[in-house]
Every structure is written in structure tokens, then in C-alpha cells.
Amino acid sequence: MVFSNHYAYFYSLNAYLYIMENKSKRLLAISQIINTQKIASQADLLKKLQSKGIKCTQATLSRDLRVLMVGKIANNEGGYNYSLITNKSSNKIPDSSTSFVQNGFVSFEFAQKLAVIKTIPAYASSLAMTIDMEEAYEIAGTIAGDDTILIIPRNGISESDIRHRLILIFPELKDRIRH
């Protein structure tokens, strides 16, 4: 009887991990589609997901849109398109931080699927705070020292996805973060 309880636990754990990996991939696909294409309805988004081999119900998609904080914004044609809403803009470092970011950034690399940003001394915590305040789905969290930031990606997130997200957060570093 003990064996069957352990088997049931491991089976349910594996099922949970499988579901979470699929959810991660689906959320990432949704955010990429919304960021790169004009999507006016959930039906359009479901078709785009299906074309990428991702199947889900309308109810699941609706929950995913809430998780990603997706809203509709007016477009130039008099309609509305989905957009990732960043209601944290009041907490972001102001535009004058461009030189701060550029001057403080030293290097970027991956080690064991973790991203590492090197900065000059005393810059890491400010840059990590900016990354954390974005609440980007791809990034589970950051750990900052005096001159180093460790970026921990979520399961199923590629190095390319992390690079892309960092370029969205720090556009002035796009030439220094690319491969």
C-alpha cells in the first residue's frame, strides 16, 4: 500500500510539472504573439496559438490573459488590439537613467541557464530593481550583489527569450546584450 501512495504522489507531481511547463510555453507564446502582431479578439489569438501547435480552450486563454495583465488599447483603425499592460510605469527609473544604465553595464552572459549581468560597483541593485519591477513573465527573479546580477529564468524560457526581455527593459543595451 505504501508503494502505491508513493507512485500516486510521483505520478501527480510529474503531471503537475508537465502542466506547468505547457502553461509556461503557452504564456510565453501569448506574450510574443501580442507583442509582435495585431490581435483584436480571443478567437484570433486562439488561431495564432493553434498555428504554433498550442491548444487551449477559450476559458484557459481568458485566464492566461489575466495572468499576463493583457488589456485592449485603441488602434489607428478605430478598433482595439490586445496589449501587455504595464501599470508599473510610475515605479520605473525615469528616462534620465539611460546614461546610468549604459555607464553601469559591463557585460552579459549565461552560465548554467542563468543569466549574469556584470556592472560597475554599486550599480547592480538598481538595475536588478528595474528588472524586478517589470514583473516580466520570463524572469522568475533576480539576485543582486554590488556588481553582479543573477537573473533566474522560469522553466521553459530560453536564453533568447531572456535576451529579448532585457532588450525590452533596457533598449539602450540592445547591441551589448545580443549574441
Protein backbone atom coordinates (compact mmCIF):
# COMPACT_ATOMS: atom_id res chain seq x y z
CA MET A 1 0.00 0.00 0.00
CA VAL A 2 2.88 2.38 0.75
CA PHE A 3 4.29 1.78 -2.73
CA SER A 4 1.02 2.78 -4.40
CA ASN A 5 0.87 6.02 -2.35
CA HIS A 6 4.41 6.95 -3.46
CA TYR A 7 3.54 6.06 -7.05
CA ALA A 8 0.44 8.22 -6.92
CA TYR A 9 2.49 11.11 -5.48
CA PHE A 10 5.16 10.90 -8.17
CA TYR A 11 2.56 10.48 -10.90
CA SER A 12 0.70 13.58 -9.74
CA LEU A 13 3.97 15.51 -9.36
CA ASN A 14 5.00 14.62 -12.91
CA ALA A 15 1.56 15.58 -14.20
CA TYR A 16 1.82 18.92 -12.38
CA LEU A 17 5.28 19.62 -13.82
CA TYR A 18 4.04 18.75 -17.32
CA ILE A 19 1.08 21.10 -16.96
CA MET A 20 3.26 23.93 -15.62
CA GLU A 21 5.77 23.53 -18.46
CA ASN A 22 2.93 23.70 -21.01
CA LYS A 23 1.48 26.73 -19.24
CA SER A 24 4.89 28.47 -19.32
CA LYS A 25 5.23 27.81 -23.04
CA ARG A 26 1.67 28.96 -23.68
CA LEU A 27 2.11 32.19 -21.69
CA LEU A 28 5.35 32.95 -23.47
CA ALA A 29 3.74 32.30 -26.87
CA ILE A 30 0.79 34.56 -25.99
CA SER A 31 3.07 37.41 -24.95
CA GLN A 32 5.22 37.01 -28.07
CA ILE A 33 2.16 36.99 -30.36
CA ILE A 34 0.64 40.05 -28.69
CA ASN A 35 3.95 41.93 -28.79
CA THR A 36 4.55 41.22 -32.48
CA GLN A 37 1.10 41.10 -34.11
CA LYS A 38 -2.18 42.97 -34.08
CA ILE A 39 -4.66 40.75 -32.25
CA ALA A 40 -8.23 42.03 -31.90
CA SER A 41 -10.02 39.05 -30.34
CA GLN A 42 -9.52 35.90 -28.34
CA ALA A 43 -10.63 33.91 -31.38
CA ASP A 44 -7.77 35.46 -33.41
CA LEU A 45 -5.33 34.70 -30.61
CA LEU A 46 -6.55 31.09 -30.33
CA LYS A 47 -5.96 30.63 -34.09
CA LYS A 48 -2.42 32.02 -33.78
CA LEU A 49 -1.70 29.71 -30.86
CA GLN A 50 -3.07 26.71 -32.75
CA SER A 51 -0.85 27.58 -35.72
CA LYS A 52 2.10 27.31 -33.30
CA GLY A 53 0.87 23.89 -32.14
CA ILE A 54 -0.51 25.17 -28.83
CA LYS A 55 -4.02 24.05 -27.98
CA CYS A 56 -6.14 25.53 -25.23
CA THR A 57 -9.73 26.45 -24.54
CA GLN A 58 -11.17 29.95 -24.59
CA ALA A 59 -11.57 29.79 -20.80
CA THR A 60 -7.89 28.91 -20.34
CA LEU A 61 -6.90 31.70 -22.72
CA SER A 62 -9.03 34.16 -20.77
CA ARG A 63 -7.27 33.18 -17.51
CA ASP A 64 -3.88 33.43 -19.22
CA LEU A 65 -4.70 36.95 -20.43
CA ARG A 66 -5.47 37.96 -16.83
CA VAL A 67 -2.20 36.41 -15.58
CA LEU A 68 -0.22 38.31 -18.22
CA MET A 69 -2.17 41.53 -17.48
CA VAL A 70 -3.30 41.87 -21.09
CA GLY A 71 -5.75 44.62 -21.94
CA LYS A 72 -7.18 46.18 -25.06
CA ILE A 73 -5.94 49.50 -26.39
CA ALA A 74 -7.33 51.61 -29.22
CA ASN A 75 -5.66 51.19 -32.60
CA ASN A 76 -5.44 53.63 -35.53
CA GLU A 77 -8.28 51.90 -37.41
CA GLY A 78 -10.94 52.67 -34.79
CA GLY A 79 -10.81 49.23 -33.22
CA TYR A 80 -8.96 47.66 -30.32
CA ASN A 81 -5.97 45.32 -30.08
CA TYR A 82 -4.61 43.29 -27.19
CA SER A 83 -1.59 44.73 -25.44
CA LEU A 84 0.50 43.76 -22.44
CA ILE A 85 -0.36 46.36 -19.83
CA THR A 86 2.47 47.69 -17.71
CA ASN A 87 0.80 49.60 -14.93
CA LYS A 88 4.10 49.86 -13.12
CA SER A 89 5.31 52.79 -15.22
CA SER A 90 5.21 55.17 -12.28
CA ASN A 91 7.78 52.99 -10.49
CA LYS A 92 10.23 52.79 -13.37
CA ILE A 93 13.51 54.63 -13.35
CA PRO A 94 12.98 57.85 -15.34
CA ASP A 95 14.28 58.36 -18.86
CA SER A 96 17.34 60.14 -17.47
CA SER A 97 18.51 56.67 -16.35
CA THR A 98 19.64 55.86 -19.91
CA SER A 99 23.16 57.07 -19.24
CA PHE A 100 23.03 55.42 -15.81
CA VAL A 101 22.25 52.04 -17.39
CA GLN A 102 24.77 52.42 -20.20
CA ASN A 103 27.51 53.66 -17.92
CA GLY A 104 26.93 50.98 -15.27
CA PHE A 105 26.60 47.96 -17.55
CA VAL A 106 29.80 45.92 -18.07
CA SER A 107 28.85 42.53 -19.53
CA PHE A 108 26.15 39.90 -20.01
CA GLU A 109 26.45 36.11 -20.28
CA PHE A 110 24.74 32.83 -19.44
CA ALA A 111 26.01 30.21 -17.01
CA GLN A 112 24.06 27.02 -16.29
CA LYS A 113 20.93 28.50 -17.93
CA LEU A 114 21.11 31.50 -15.58
CA ALA A 115 21.80 34.98 -16.92
CA VAL A 116 24.57 37.02 -15.32
CA ILE A 117 24.95 40.76 -15.71
CA LYS A 118 28.16 42.41 -14.54
CA THR A 119 28.05 46.10 -13.63
CA ILE A 120 30.46 48.58 -12.18
CA PRO A 121 30.42 48.58 -8.36
CA ALA A 122 27.20 49.81 -6.72
CA TYR A 123 25.05 49.60 -9.89
CA ALA A 124 23.73 46.03 -9.69
CA SER A 125 20.94 46.55 -7.17
CA SER A 126 19.43 49.48 -9.09
CA LEU A 127 19.43 47.58 -12.39
CA ALA A 128 18.04 44.44 -10.70
CA MET A 129 15.26 46.53 -9.14
CA THR A 130 14.34 47.83 -12.60
CA ILE A 131 14.21 44.25 -13.94
CA ASP A 132 12.09 43.07 -10.99
CA MET A 133 9.66 45.99 -11.27
CA GLU A 134 8.87 44.97 -14.85
CA GLU A 135 7.41 41.73 -13.48
CA ALA A 136 8.31 40.06 -16.75
CA TYR A 137 6.82 36.60 -17.05
CA GLU A 138 10.08 35.16 -18.41
CA ILE A 139 12.03 36.13 -15.29
CA ALA A 140 11.29 34.37 -12.00
CA GLY A 141 13.51 36.78 -10.09
CA THR A 142 16.89 38.41 -9.66
CA ILE A 143 19.59 38.37 -7.03
CA ALA A 144 21.90 41.37 -6.91
CA GLY A 145 25.22 41.92 -5.27
CA ASP A 146 27.36 45.01 -5.53
CA ASP A 147 28.43 44.48 -9.14
CA THR A 148 26.65 41.31 -10.29
CA ILE A 149 23.04 40.43 -11.08
CA LEU A 150 21.87 36.83 -11.31
CA ILE A 151 18.70 36.52 -13.43
CA ILE A 152 16.70 33.36 -12.83
CA PRO A 153 14.51 32.42 -15.82
CA ARG A 154 11.26 30.49 -15.44
CA ASN A 155 11.13 26.86 -16.60
CA GLY A 156 10.94 26.53 -20.37
CA ILE A 157 12.32 30.01 -21.04
CA SER A 158 15.22 30.14 -23.50
CA GLU A 159 18.34 32.30 -23.45
CA SER A 160 16.93 34.11 -26.46
CA ASP A 161 13.72 34.90 -24.56
CA ILE A 162 15.72 36.40 -21.67
CA ARG A 163 17.83 38.47 -24.07
CA HIS A 164 14.69 39.73 -25.80
CA ARG A 165 13.05 40.67 -22.48
CA LEU A 166 16.18 42.50 -21.27
CA ILE A 167 16.31 44.46 -24.52
CA LEU A 168 12.66 45.45 -23.96
CA ILE A 169 13.56 46.62 -20.44
CA PHE A 170 16.86 48.30 -21.43
CA PRO A 171 16.59 49.17 -25.15
CA GLU A 172 19.79 51.22 -24.97
CA LEU A 173 21.72 47.98 -24.32
CA LYS A 174 20.45 46.03 -27.35
CA ASP A 175 23.86 45.99 -29.05
CA ARG A 176 25.58 44.84 -25.87
CA ILE A 177 23.11 42.09 -24.91
CA ARG A 178 22.74 40.37 -28.30
CA HIS A 179 24.52 37.12 -29.11
